Amino acid sequence: MTGKRALMCSPVVTLVALSVFLSSGFVLCHPRDPFKSILGEENMGSWKDEIMSSDSNGEAPGPTNDVSTLVLAENRTKRPDILAKFHKYRGGWDIANKHYWASVGFTGAAAFILAILWFISFGLALLVHYFCGWKININGNESSWFLRLCLLLLIVFTSAAAIGCILLSVGQVEFHEEALHTLNYVVNQSEYTVQTLRNVTGYLSLAKTVSVAQIFLPSDVKDDIDRLNVDLNNAADTLELKTSENSSKIRNVFNKVKSALIIVAAVMLLVSILGLVLSIFGHQHVIHIFIISGWLLVAVTFILCGVFVILNNAISDTCLAMGEWVENPHAETALSNILPCVDQRTTNQTLYKSKQVINDIANLVNGFVGSVANSNPPPQATSNYYNQSGPLIPPLCYPYDAQLQDRTCSDQELSMQNASLVWQNYTCTVSAYGLCNSIGRLTPSMYLELVAAVNVSYALEHYAPPLLNLQNCDFVRDTFRNITSSYCPPLEGHLRIVNGGLGLISVGVMLSLALWILYANLPQREEVFAKLSSRITGSCRGKTTTSANATPGYGA
């Protein structure tokens, strides 16, 4: 089966990044249409072309040819498609489809439109104010109560902007930590895949060195191991390198997003508070600088709000798509393009060769036990004679039959798990000439060689089967299940906090800007503050005089 390799766009750096790693770490297929992005054109390489070109023997059973088609997150992704003249997009979740991204981008359109409307309308208002001499004239007693009303509203709006800055700061910290936590989980899963490959190749290499009484594996088996190890090591090296590169790039994106949000929160908090202070004290020229800065920053926060709405929807789509794929892992979906679970060539070849080596080692051990250790040659047969005696050693169990299918060991056979313990009972002590001087059929050196051989077999039997989890996608299914249950809800919650903070900042500073202009340009503001100041001063002086006059009488 062929499939598209799709990489994520840079804004969606949280859960879509998972597909990037899994498409190389867990999938054994050849890409059919590389999708270029910041993560690189060829993400993790193609195991299908790298591993073995020979036909697979003893293939594991695969899925039937009748594969159903499933549109992931179909209902959730029915949105207007900007590239299709705003017709409904019906292709479901598919990060390789530009129409999907266009439909997701539409979810942030409201914030982008608000940013444009705000930028144009407030810009025109500023032009009218500065070039047409537009002012508000409030005379008499009306100025005092209007001033107090503006002050109250300014405090309310500034408080709203400050709360928004706090929410934005808290939300971005939590989002950054959870996003990195998710990324680390994906990287760990990819590293587990690399380690699985390296374990198999390492023990296959050890199998080449197995010898019992100078009896080695057949040369053709060694050659097959060499060819397989070269390709497996290349695949593991490619996966490890790309994982490191991609995780570094994604972390850089996370860090830049974090820095941008911190700067926005700090600057908007500073602008809102200083704007409040400067407008109250009527510093007209300085407040105009903050008005223009606030005008531009509000537009920026609206844009950021739209970007995070898009990010939130993309992550929610991805989480839902993962959940649906977990229930239908073998259906033809957009995820199948980067996580196909029907290509069996690599795992079949590796499993086949591992099983063959295990049986060859068992055959080598049993050949030695049957022809040498369990024999009773005369002393004149110097090649096989070392004064062996005592009960016969049971044969080692063949874990697989002639067709390399699992078989059950008989009671008369030794399993890989307990063979080394049983062989200890058949080990003799040796003289200086290497002959047994006690009852036993194995010398200590023979025992060590047999234990080394059976350890390699046991390790291959232990590490090779996990490759089946890569073939049938059980490993990917478990990974997705963990992400949708443990990582998606916190990410979505933190994004909502970030969006709420950006919204409060935008609205709070936007409304404050209008009041900054009104408050800073109200007539008689100096007179009002002078009257308020004189009243406060007069009141304090009156209290001081009264207190001074009352003191002599009290003393009398």
Protein backbone atom coordinates (compact mmCIF):
# COMPACT_ATOMS: atom_id res chain seq x y z
CA MET A 1 0.00 0.00 0.00
CA THR A 2 1.22 3.46 -0.86
CA GLY A 3 0.56 6.52 1.27
CA LYS A 4 1.21 10.19 1.46
CA ARG A 5 3.70 11.50 3.90
CA ALA A 6 2.25 14.63 5.41
CA LEU A 7 4.04 16.93 7.74
CA MET A 8 2.47 19.57 9.91
CA CYS A 9 2.36 23.29 9.31
CA SER A 10 4.31 25.39 11.76
CA PRO A 11 1.39 26.85 13.77
CA VAL A 12 0.08 23.43 14.71
CA VAL A 13 3.09 22.28 16.65
CA THR A 14 1.51 20.27 19.38
CA LEU A 15 -0.40 17.15 18.43
CA VAL A 16 0.10 17.21 14.69
CA ALA A 17 3.80 16.87 15.48
CA LEU A 18 2.98 13.40 16.72
CA SER A 19 2.16 12.31 13.20
CA VAL A 20 5.58 13.45 12.06
CA PHE A 21 7.42 11.17 14.48
CA LEU A 22 5.05 8.25 14.24
CA SER A 23 5.09 8.40 10.47
CA SER A 24 8.71 7.39 10.63
CA GLY A 25 9.09 5.59 13.92
CA PHE A 26 6.10 3.32 13.78
CA VAL A 27 5.33 3.04 10.10
CA LEU A 28 6.99 0.80 7.62
CA CYS A 29 5.92 2.19 4.31
CA HIS A 30 7.10 4.20 1.35
CA PRO A 31 5.88 7.80 0.99
CA ARG A 32 4.18 8.72 -2.23
CA ASP A 33 4.01 12.51 -2.03
CA PRO A 34 6.45 14.27 0.33
CA PHE A 35 4.90 17.33 1.94
CA LYS A 36 7.55 19.96 2.59
CA SER A 37 7.51 22.01 5.78
CA ILE A 38 9.79 23.30 8.51
CA LEU A 39 10.41 19.74 9.58
CA GLY A 40 12.07 18.74 6.33
CA GLU A 41 11.03 17.16 3.06
CA GLU A 42 11.94 13.60 3.94
CA ASN A 43 10.88 13.16 7.52
CA MET A 44 12.09 9.78 8.66
CA GLY A 45 13.00 7.82 5.58
CA SER A 46 11.39 4.79 4.08
CA TRP A 47 11.89 1.54 5.83
CA LYS A 48 10.14 -0.35 3.10
CA ASP A 49 12.88 0.46 0.60
CA GLU A 50 15.71 0.33 3.13
CA ILE A 51 15.26 -2.97 4.89
CA MET A 52 15.27 -5.93 2.55
CA SER A 53 14.77 -6.34 -1.13
CA SER A 54 14.37 -10.09 -0.92
CA ASP A 55 11.00 -11.78 -0.72
CA SER A 56 9.65 -12.34 2.74
CA ASN A 57 9.35 -15.87 4.01
CA GLY A 58 6.98 -16.96 6.72
CA GLU A 59 4.96 -13.77 6.47
CA ALA A 60 2.70 -12.82 9.31
CA PRO A 61 -0.98 -12.81 8.48
CA GLY A 62 -2.19 -9.47 7.20
CA PRO A 63 -5.52 -7.75 6.92
CA THR A 64 -7.98 -8.68 4.25
CA ASN A 65 -8.13 -6.82 0.96
CA ASP A 66 -11.57 -5.45 1.79
CA VAL A 67 -10.52 -2.24 3.53
CA SER A 68 -13.22 0.25 4.54
CA THR A 69 -12.80 3.99 4.12
CA LEU A 70 -13.28 6.28 7.11
CA VAL A 71 -13.44 10.08 7.03
CA LEU A 72 -11.89 11.24 10.29
CA ALA A 73 -13.65 13.98 12.31
CA GLU A 74 -16.12 14.33 9.46
CA ASN A 75 -18.80 16.33 11.26
CA ARG A 76 -16.41 18.57 13.15
CA THR A 77 -14.46 19.59 10.04
CA LYS A 78 -17.48 20.67 7.97
CA ARG A 79 -16.46 24.31 7.68
CA PRO A 80 -16.44 26.90 4.88
CA ASP A 81 -13.46 26.37 2.59
CA ILE A 82 -11.85 29.67 1.61
CA LEU A 83 -10.16 28.09 -1.42
CA ALA A 84 -13.43 26.59 -2.68
CA LYS A 85 -15.47 29.81 -2.68
CA PHE A 86 -16.65 29.15 0.87
CA HIS A 87 -18.34 25.87 0.04
CA LYS A 88 -18.43 23.35 2.89
CA TYR A 89 -15.29 21.27 3.27
CA ARG A 90 -16.21 17.58 3.58
CA GLY A 91 -12.85 15.82 3.41
CA GLY A 92 -12.42 15.32 7.15
CA TRP A 93 -9.16 15.63 9.04
CA ASP A 94 -6.26 15.54 6.59
CA ILE A 95 -3.13 17.59 7.28
CA ALA A 96 -1.91 16.90 3.74
CA ASN A 97 -4.95 18.62 2.23
CA LYS A 98 -4.67 22.36 1.68
CA HIS A 99 -8.47 22.63 1.72
CA TYR A 100 -8.49 21.24 5.25
CA TRP A 101 -6.08 23.97 6.37
CA ALA A 102 -8.16 26.57 4.54
CA SER A 103 -11.27 25.42 6.40
CA VAL A 104 -9.43 25.44 9.74
CA GLY A 105 -8.07 28.88 8.95
CA PHE A 106 -11.63 30.10 8.49
CA THR A 107 -12.28 29.50 12.21
CA GLY A 108 -9.99 32.43 13.01
CA ALA A 109 -11.61 34.70 10.43
CA ALA A 110 -13.75 36.53 13.00
CA ALA A 111 -10.71 37.64 14.98
CA PHE A 112 -8.85 38.64 11.80
CA ILE A 113 -11.83 40.66 10.59
CA LEU A 114 -12.06 42.36 13.98
CA ALA A 115 -8.36 43.21 13.75
CA ILE A 116 -8.84 44.78 10.31
CA LEU A 117 -12.00 46.67 11.32
CA TRP A 118 -10.35 47.90 14.50
CA PHE A 119 -7.21 48.99 12.66
CA ILE A 120 -9.16 50.90 10.02
CA SER A 121 -11.91 52.40 12.19
CA PHE A 122 -9.71 53.55 15.04
CA GLY A 123 -7.11 54.79 12.59
CA LEU A 124 -9.75 56.93 10.88
CA ALA A 125 -10.93 58.18 14.27
CA LEU A 126 -7.38 59.22 15.11
CA LEU A 127 -7.04 61.02 11.79
CA VAL A 128 -10.29 62.88 12.39
CA HIS A 129 -9.20 63.77 15.90
CA TYR A 130 -5.73 65.01 15.01
CA PHE A 131 -6.35 66.66 11.65
CA CYS A 132 -9.93 67.86 11.92
CA GLY A 133 -9.70 69.18 15.47
CA TRP A 134 -12.52 66.97 16.81
CA LYS A 135 -12.97 67.49 20.55
CA ILE A 136 -15.53 66.93 23.26
CA ASN A 137 -16.86 70.00 24.97
CA ILE A 138 -18.40 69.50 28.37
CA ASN A 139 -18.84 72.62 30.43
CA GLY A 140 -19.75 73.46 33.95
CA ASN A 141 -20.63 70.89 36.51
CA GLU A 142 -20.99 68.23 33.83
CA SER A 143 -17.19 68.00 33.53
CA SER A 144 -16.76 66.84 37.10
CA TRP A 145 -19.18 63.93 37.06
CA PHE A 146 -18.16 62.95 33.53
CA LEU A 147 -14.54 62.91 34.66
CA ARG A 148 -15.41 60.63 37.53
CA LEU A 149 -17.38 58.32 35.24
CA CYS A 150 -14.47 58.09 32.81
CA LEU A 151 -12.12 57.38 35.70
CA LEU A 152 -14.35 54.56 36.93
CA LEU A 153 -14.62 53.04 33.45
CA LEU A 154 -10.87 53.39 32.91
CA ILE A 155 -10.20 51.50 36.11
CA VAL A 156 -12.65 48.77 35.10
CA PHE A 157 -11.22 48.39 31.60
CA THR A 158 -7.63 48.52 32.84
CA SER A 159 -8.46 45.84 35.41
CA ALA A 160 -9.98 43.71 32.65
CA ALA A 161 -6.82 44.12 30.57
CA ALA A 162 -4.66 43.26 33.59
CA ILE A 163 -6.71 40.14 34.30
CA GLY A 164 -6.35 39.20 30.63
CA CYS A 165 -2.56 39.60 30.91
CA ILE A 166 -2.54 37.34 33.97
CA LEU A 167 -4.67 34.72 32.20
CA LEU A 168 -2.44 34.93 29.14
CA SER A 169 0.72 34.50 31.24
CA VAL A 170 -0.68 31.56 33.20
CA GLY A 171 -2.21 29.94 30.11
CA GLN A 172 0.92 30.20 27.98
CA VAL A 173 3.10 28.72 30.75
CA GLU A 174 0.74 25.77 31.18
CA PHE A 175 0.36 25.35 27.42
CA HIS A 176 4.12 25.44 26.87
CA GLU A 177 4.76 22.85 29.57
CA GLU A 178 1.99 20.53 28.37
CA ALA A 179 3.05 20.90 24.73
CA LEU A 180 6.64 19.98 25.60
CA HIS A 181 5.33 17.13 27.74
CA THR A 182 3.40 15.83 24.74
CA LEU A 183 6.41 16.27 22.49
CA ASN A 184 8.65 14.43 24.94
CA TYR A 185 6.18 11.57 25.09
CA VAL A 186 6.22 11.27 21.30
CA VAL A 187 10.02 11.48 21.21
CA ASN A 188 10.24 8.76 23.85
CA GLN A 189 7.98 6.54 21.78
CA SER A 190 10.18 7.14 18.76
CA GLU A 191 13.30 6.38 20.82
CA TYR A 192 11.64 3.16 22.00
CA THR A 193 11.26 2.15 18.36
CA VAL A 194 14.93 2.94 17.69
CA GLN A 195 15.96 0.93 20.74
CA THR A 196 13.82 -2.01 19.63
CA LEU A 197 15.62 -2.02 16.28
CA ARG A 198 19.03 -1.70 17.89
CA ASN A 199 18.28 -4.54 20.31
CA VAL A 200 17.37 -6.83 17.43
CA THR A 201 20.40 -5.88 15.36
CA GLY A 202 22.68 -6.15 18.39
CA TYR A 203 21.58 -9.66 19.25
CA LEU A 204 21.64 -10.72 15.62
CA SER A 205 25.26 -9.58 15.55
CA LEU A 206 25.96 -11.54 18.72
CA ALA A 207 24.40 -14.59 17.12
CA LYS A 208 27.15 -14.53 14.49
CA THR A 209 29.73 -15.04 17.22
CA VAL A 210 27.95 -17.95 18.88
CA SER A 211 30.05 -21.10 18.89
CA VAL A 212 29.95 -24.34 20.82
CA ALA A 213 33.10 -26.46 20.65
CA GLN A 214 34.21 -24.49 17.58
CA ILE A 215 30.87 -25.09 15.84
CA PHE A 216 29.43 -21.88 14.33
CA LEU A 217 26.28 -20.83 12.53
CA PRO A 218 26.23 -21.57 8.78
CA SER A 219 27.97 -18.96 6.64
CA ASP A 220 24.84 -18.19 4.59
CA VAL A 221 22.96 -17.35 7.79
CA LYS A 222 25.76 -14.99 8.82
CA ASP A 223 25.62 -13.29 5.43
CA ASP A 224 21.87 -12.80 5.75
CA ILE A 225 22.37 -11.31 9.22
CA ASP A 226 24.96 -8.88 7.87
CA ARG A 227 22.65 -7.66 5.11
CA LEU A 228 19.71 -7.32 7.46
CA ASN A 229 21.74 -5.49 10.10
CA VAL A 230 23.05 -2.95 7.63
CA ASP A 231 19.55 -1.97 6.56
CA LEU A 232 18.10 -2.05 10.06
CA ASN A 233 20.94 0.11 11.38
CA ASN A 234 20.45 2.59 8.54
CA ALA A 235 16.76 2.80 9.34
CA ALA A 236 17.43 3.24 13.06
CA ASP A 237 20.09 5.89 12.40
CA THR A 238 17.76 7.81 10.08
CA LEU A 239 14.92 7.68 12.57
CA GLU A 240 17.16 8.77 15.45
CA LEU A 241 18.65 11.65 13.47
CA LYS A 242 15.33 12.94 12.17
CA THR A 243 13.72 12.62 15.59
CA SER A 244 16.47 14.73 17.09
CA GLU A 245 16.30 17.34 14.33
CA ASN A 246 12.51 17.59 14.32
CA SER A 247 12.15 17.72 18.08
CA SER A 248 14.70 20.53 18.18
CA LYS A 249 12.80 22.51 15.54
CA ILE A 250 9.47 22.00 17.28
CA ARG A 251 10.94 23.05 20.62
CA ASN A 252 12.23 26.22 18.96
CA VAL A 253 8.73 26.97 17.70
CA PHE A 254 7.30 26.37 21.18
CA ASN A 255 9.90 28.68 22.70
CA LYS A 256 9.20 31.42 20.16
CA VAL A 257 5.47 31.18 20.80
CA LYS A 258 6.14 31.37 24.53
CA SER A 259 8.39 34.42 24.13
CA ALA A 260 5.87 36.19 21.90
CA LEU A 261 3.04 35.66 24.38
CA ILE A 262 5.18 36.79 27.32
CA ILE A 263 6.12 39.97 25.44
CA VAL A 264 2.50 40.64 24.49
CA ALA A 265 1.30 40.13 28.06
CA ALA A 266 4.03 42.34 29.57
CA VAL A 267 3.72 45.13 27.00
CA MET A 268 -0.08 45.24 27.12
CA LEU A 269 -0.08 45.31 30.92
CA LEU A 270 2.47 48.13 30.91
CA VAL A 271 0.59 50.10 28.26
CA SER A 272 -2.78 49.75 29.98
CA ILE A 273 -1.48 50.82 33.41
CA LEU A 274 0.66 53.71 32.12
CA GLY A 275 -2.18 54.79 29.87
CA LEU A 276 -4.47 54.98 32.88
CA VAL A 277 -1.96 56.99 34.90
CA LEU A 278 -1.02 59.37 32.10
CA SER A 279 -4.60 60.01 31.06
CA ILE A 280 -5.60 60.85 34.65
CA PHE A 281 -2.80 63.37 34.99
CA GLY A 282 -3.45 64.77 31.53
CA HIS A 283 -0.02 64.31 29.92
CA GLN A 284 -1.40 64.91 26.47
CA HIS A 285 1.70 64.49 24.33
CA VAL A 286 2.86 61.34 26.08
CA ILE A 287 -0.59 59.76 26.12
CA HIS A 288 -0.81 60.15 22.36
CA ILE A 289 2.23 57.87 22.00
CA PHE A 290 0.52 55.24 24.15
CA ILE A 291 -2.73 55.66 22.21
CA ILE A 292 -0.97 54.90 18.92
CA SER A 293 0.95 52.01 20.49
CA GLY A 294 -2.23 50.60 22.01
CA TRP A 295 -4.01 50.92 18.67
CA LEU A 296 -1.39 48.74 16.98
CA LEU A 297 -1.10 46.29 19.88
CA VAL A 298 -4.85 45.68 20.00
CA ALA A 299 -4.73 44.73 16.32
CA VAL A 300 -1.85 42.36 17.10
CA THR A 301 -3.73 40.72 19.98
CA PHE A 302 -6.79 40.20 17.77
CA ILE A 303 -4.57 38.50 15.20
CA LEU A 304 -2.94 36.33 17.89
CA CYS A 305 -6.38 35.43 19.18
CA GLY A 306 -7.35 34.28 15.69
CA VAL A 307 -4.14 32.24 15.37
CA PHE A 308 -4.79 30.47 18.66
CA VAL A 309 -8.40 29.80 17.69
CA ILE A 310 -7.07 28.08 14.57
CA LEU A 311 -4.52 26.19 16.65
CA ASN A 312 -7.18 25.12 19.13
CA ASN A 313 -9.44 23.82 16.37
CA ALA A 314 -6.59 22.01 14.63
CA ILE A 315 -5.58 20.28 17.86
CA SER A 316 -9.19 19.38 18.66
CA ASP A 317 -9.59 17.97 15.15
CA THR A 318 -6.40 15.95 15.57
CA CYS A 319 -7.46 14.58 18.95
CA LEU A 320 -10.84 13.55 17.56
CA ALA A 321 -9.22 12.00 14.48
CA MET A 322 -6.83 10.01 16.65
CA GLY A 323 -9.69 8.77 18.79
CA GLU A 324 -11.67 7.62 15.74
CA TRP A 325 -8.61 5.98 14.20
CA VAL A 326 -7.94 4.06 17.42
CA GLU A 327 -11.34 2.40 16.99
CA ASN A 328 -10.72 1.68 13.29
CA PRO A 329 -6.94 1.24 12.86
CA HIS A 330 -7.15 -0.74 9.62
CA ALA A 331 -9.63 1.50 7.85
CA GLU A 332 -8.40 3.64 4.96
CA THR A 333 -8.07 7.14 6.45
CA ALA A 334 -5.98 10.29 6.16
CA LEU A 335 -3.91 8.93 9.04
CA SER A 336 -3.28 5.80 6.99
CA ASN A 337 -1.26 7.97 4.62
CA ILE A 338 1.33 8.54 7.32
CA LEU A 339 0.56 5.60 9.62
CA PRO A 340 -0.35 2.68 7.34
CA CYS A 341 -0.71 -0.62 9.17
CA VAL A 342 -0.78 -3.01 6.24
CA ASP A 343 2.83 -3.01 4.99
CA GLN A 344 4.48 -6.09 6.49
CA ARG A 345 7.64 -6.51 4.49
CA THR A 346 10.16 -5.20 7.00
CA THR A 347 8.77 -6.86 10.09
CA ASN A 348 8.22 -10.13 8.25
CA GLN A 349 11.81 -10.24 7.07
CA THR A 350 13.23 -9.34 10.48
CA LEU A 351 10.98 -11.75 12.34
CA TYR A 352 11.67 -14.49 9.83
CA LYS A 353 15.42 -14.09 10.13
CA SER A 354 15.24 -13.86 13.94
CA LYS A 355 13.20 -17.04 14.19
CA GLN A 356 15.54 -18.78 11.78
CA VAL A 357 18.58 -17.76 13.83
CA ILE A 358 16.90 -18.92 17.05
CA ASN A 359 16.21 -22.33 15.54
CA ASP A 360 19.71 -22.48 14.07
CA ILE A 361 21.20 -21.81 17.49
CA ALA A 362 18.97 -24.47 19.03
CA ASN A 363 20.05 -26.83 16.26
CA LEU A 364 23.70 -26.00 16.93
CA VAL A 365 23.30 -26.63 20.67
CA ASN A 366 21.38 -29.86 20.16
CA GLY A 367 23.89 -31.02 17.58
CA PHE A 368 26.69 -30.57 20.08
CA VAL A 369 24.73 -32.17 22.93
CA GLY A 370 23.68 -35.15 20.85
CA SER A 371 26.95 -35.86 19.07
CA VAL A 372 29.48 -34.84 21.71
CA ALA A 373 28.18 -34.24 25.24
CA ASN A 374 25.78 -37.21 25.31
CA SER A 375 28.18 -39.56 23.54
CA ASN A 376 30.38 -42.07 25.30
CA PRO A 377 33.48 -42.28 23.09
CA PRO A 378 36.48 -44.38 24.09
CA PRO A 379 39.54 -42.58 25.43
CA GLN A 380 41.23 -43.10 22.11
CA ALA A 381 38.72 -40.76 20.39
CA THR A 382 40.58 -37.68 21.38
CA SER A 383 38.36 -35.24 19.41
CA ASN A 384 35.15 -35.89 21.39
CA TYR A 385 36.48 -37.48 24.52
CA TYR A 386 36.89 -35.53 27.73
CA ASN A 387 35.80 -38.23 30.19
CA GLN A 388 32.12 -37.26 30.05
CA SER A 389 29.77 -39.47 32.04
CA GLY A 390 26.50 -39.48 33.92
CA PRO A 391 22.87 -38.90 32.91
CA LEU A 392 22.16 -37.66 29.38
CA ILE A 393 21.44 -33.96 28.83
CA PRO A 394 17.89 -33.23 27.61
CA PRO A 395 17.66 -31.52 24.21
CA LEU A 396 16.98 -27.79 23.92
CA CYS A 397 13.49 -26.87 22.80
CA TYR A 398 12.96 -25.53 19.30
CA PRO A 399 10.61 -22.53 19.84
CA TYR A 400 9.41 -22.72 16.22
CA ASP A 401 8.51 -25.54 13.88
CA ALA A 402 9.70 -26.05 10.32
CA GLN A 403 7.28 -23.35 9.11
CA LEU A 404 8.60 -21.00 11.82
CA GLN A 405 5.30 -21.08 13.66
CA ASP A 406 5.24 -21.16 17.46
CA ARG A 407 5.39 -24.61 18.97
CA THR A 408 5.01 -25.89 22.54
CA CYS A 409 8.01 -27.49 24.19
CA SER A 410 7.62 -31.09 25.31
CA ASP A 411 8.34 -32.23 28.84
CA GLN A 412 11.59 -33.85 27.72
CA GLU A 413 12.95 -30.58 26.27
CA LEU A 414 14.65 -27.66 27.96
CA SER A 415 13.18 -24.22 27.48
CA MET A 416 15.32 -21.16 26.78
CA GLN A 417 14.40 -19.77 30.19
CA ASN A 418 15.68 -22.62 32.40
CA ALA A 419 18.30 -24.27 30.22
CA SER A 420 21.26 -22.56 31.90
CA LEU A 421 20.10 -23.70 35.36
CA VAL A 422 19.59 -27.29 34.24
CA TRP A 423 22.96 -27.44 32.51
CA GLN A 424 24.67 -26.58 35.78
CA ASN A 425 23.65 -30.03 37.04
CA TYR A 426 25.51 -31.64 34.13
CA THR A 427 28.73 -29.66 34.55
CA CYS A 428 31.82 -31.46 35.81
CA THR A 429 35.04 -30.24 37.32
CA VAL A 430 38.07 -30.54 35.09
CA SER A 431 41.70 -31.45 35.57
CA ALA A 432 44.69 -29.55 34.31
CA TYR A 433 44.38 -31.51 31.07
CA GLY A 434 40.79 -30.40 30.46
CA LEU A 435 39.24 -33.76 31.31
CA CYS A 436 36.32 -34.25 33.66
CA ASN A 437 37.38 -35.63 37.01
CA SER A 438 33.80 -35.76 38.32
CA ILE A 439 30.50 -36.95 36.92
CA GLY A 440 29.19 -34.61 34.25
CA ARG A 441 28.87 -34.14 30.52
CA LEU A 442 29.85 -30.49 30.19
CA THR A 443 33.11 -28.82 31.04
CA PRO A 444 32.86 -25.29 32.53
CA SER A 445 34.00 -23.76 29.23
CA MET A 446 31.37 -25.74 27.30
CA TYR A 447 28.75 -24.65 29.80
CA LEU A 448 29.63 -20.99 29.28
CA GLU A 449 29.45 -21.39 25.50
CA LEU A 450 26.04 -23.04 25.73
CA VAL A 451 24.76 -20.34 28.10
CA ALA A 452 26.00 -17.60 25.76
CA ALA A 453 24.22 -19.26 22.85
CA VAL A 454 20.93 -19.71 24.67
CA ASN A 455 21.07 -16.13 26.01
CA VAL A 456 21.30 -14.78 22.47
CA SER A 457 18.37 -16.98 21.43
CA TYR A 458 16.30 -15.86 24.39
CA ALA A 459 17.08 -12.20 23.69
CA LEU A 460 16.04 -12.52 20.05
CA GLU A 461 12.89 -14.34 21.12
CA HIS A 462 12.18 -11.48 23.53
CA TYR A 463 13.00 -8.42 21.37
CA ALA A 464 11.92 -9.50 17.90
CA PRO A 465 8.16 -9.97 18.60
CA PRO A 466 7.64 -6.30 19.57
CA LEU A 467 8.20 -5.56 15.90
CA LEU A 468 4.76 -7.07 15.35
CA ASN A 469 3.33 -4.12 17.29
CA LEU A 470 4.78 -1.88 14.61
CA GLN A 471 3.26 -4.05 11.91
CA ASN A 472 -0.29 -4.29 13.25
CA CYS A 473 -0.22 -0.76 14.74
CA ASP A 474 -0.99 -1.89 18.29
CA PHE A 475 1.88 0.30 19.46
CA VAL A 476 0.56 3.33 17.55
CA ARG A 477 -2.97 2.66 18.78
CA ASP A 478 -1.81 2.61 22.39
CA THR A 479 0.18 5.80 21.83
CA PHE A 480 -2.80 7.60 20.32
CA ARG A 481 -5.09 6.34 23.07
CA ASN A 482 -2.76 7.75 25.71
CA ILE A 483 -2.50 11.09 23.92
CA THR A 484 -6.24 11.52 23.41
CA SER A 485 -6.99 10.64 27.02
CA SER A 486 -4.06 12.22 28.86
CA TYR A 487 -2.68 15.03 26.69
CA CYS A 488 -5.50 16.41 24.55
CA PRO A 489 -7.81 17.70 27.34
CA PRO A 490 -5.09 19.73 29.13
CA LEU A 491 -3.82 21.21 25.85
CA GLU A 492 -7.30 22.30 24.81
CA GLY A 493 -7.98 23.74 28.26
CA HIS A 494 -4.75 25.75 28.30
CA LEU A 495 -5.47 27.07 24.81
CA ARG A 496 -8.89 28.28 25.96
CA ILE A 497 -7.23 30.16 28.81
CA VAL A 498 -4.78 31.76 26.36
CA ASN A 499 -7.64 32.75 24.04
CA GLY A 500 -9.63 34.13 26.96
CA GLY A 501 -6.65 36.19 28.09
CA LEU A 502 -6.06 37.56 24.58
CA GLY A 503 -9.76 38.41 24.29
CA LEU A 504 -9.81 40.27 27.61
CA ILE A 505 -6.65 42.18 26.71
CA SER A 506 -8.03 43.17 23.32
CA VAL A 507 -11.38 44.35 24.63
CA GLY A 508 -9.95 46.01 27.75
CA VAL A 509 -7.25 48.01 25.94
CA MET A 510 -9.57 48.76 23.02
CA LEU A 511 -12.16 50.38 25.28
CA SER A 512 -9.45 52.06 27.34
CA LEU A 513 -8.02 53.70 24.22
CA ALA A 514 -11.25 55.54 23.55
CA LEU A 515 -11.37 56.74 27.15
CA TRP A 516 -7.71 57.75 27.06
CA ILE A 517 -8.49 60.14 24.23
CA LEU A 518 -11.64 61.45 25.91
CA TYR A 519 -10.07 61.72 29.35
CA ALA A 520 -6.84 63.32 28.19
CA ASN A 521 -8.67 65.95 26.11
CA LEU A 522 -11.52 66.86 28.42
CA PRO A 523 -11.61 70.66 28.98
CA GLN A 524 -11.03 72.03 32.45
CA ARG A 525 -9.37 68.82 33.62
CA GLU A 526 -6.59 70.96 35.18
CA GLU A 527 -9.17 73.11 36.91
CA VAL A 528 -11.04 70.12 38.24
CA PHE A 529 -7.89 68.57 39.64
CA ALA A 530 -6.90 71.97 41.11
CA LYS A 531 -10.26 72.26 42.83
CA LEU A 532 -10.08 68.70 44.12
CA SER A 533 -6.54 69.33 45.33
CA SER A 534 -7.47 72.58 47.05
CA ARG A 535 -10.43 70.94 48.75
CA ILE A 536 -8.27 68.11 50.05
CA THR A 537 -5.59 70.57 51.17
CA GLY A 538 -8.13 72.89 52.77
CA SER A 539 -9.78 70.04 54.57
CA CYS A 540 -6.46 68.88 55.98
CA ARG A 541 -5.56 72.41 57.10
CA GLY A 542 -8.95 72.87 58.74
CA LYS A 543 -8.51 69.69 60.74
CA THR A 544 -5.03 70.78 61.85
CA THR A 545 -6.27 74.22 63.02
CA THR A 546 -9.17 72.75 64.95
CA SER A 547 -6.88 70.30 66.66
CA ALA A 548 -4.43 73.05 67.61
CA ASN A 549 -7.19 75.28 69.08
CA ALA A 550 -8.61 72.45 71.09
CA THR A 551 -5.35 71.50 72.74
CA PRO A 552 -5.07 74.43 75.33
CA GLY A 553 -8.61 73.93 76.50
CA TYR A 554 -8.00 70.28 77.04
CA GLY A 555 -4.90 71.01 79.06
CA ALA A 556 -6.78 73.58 81.18
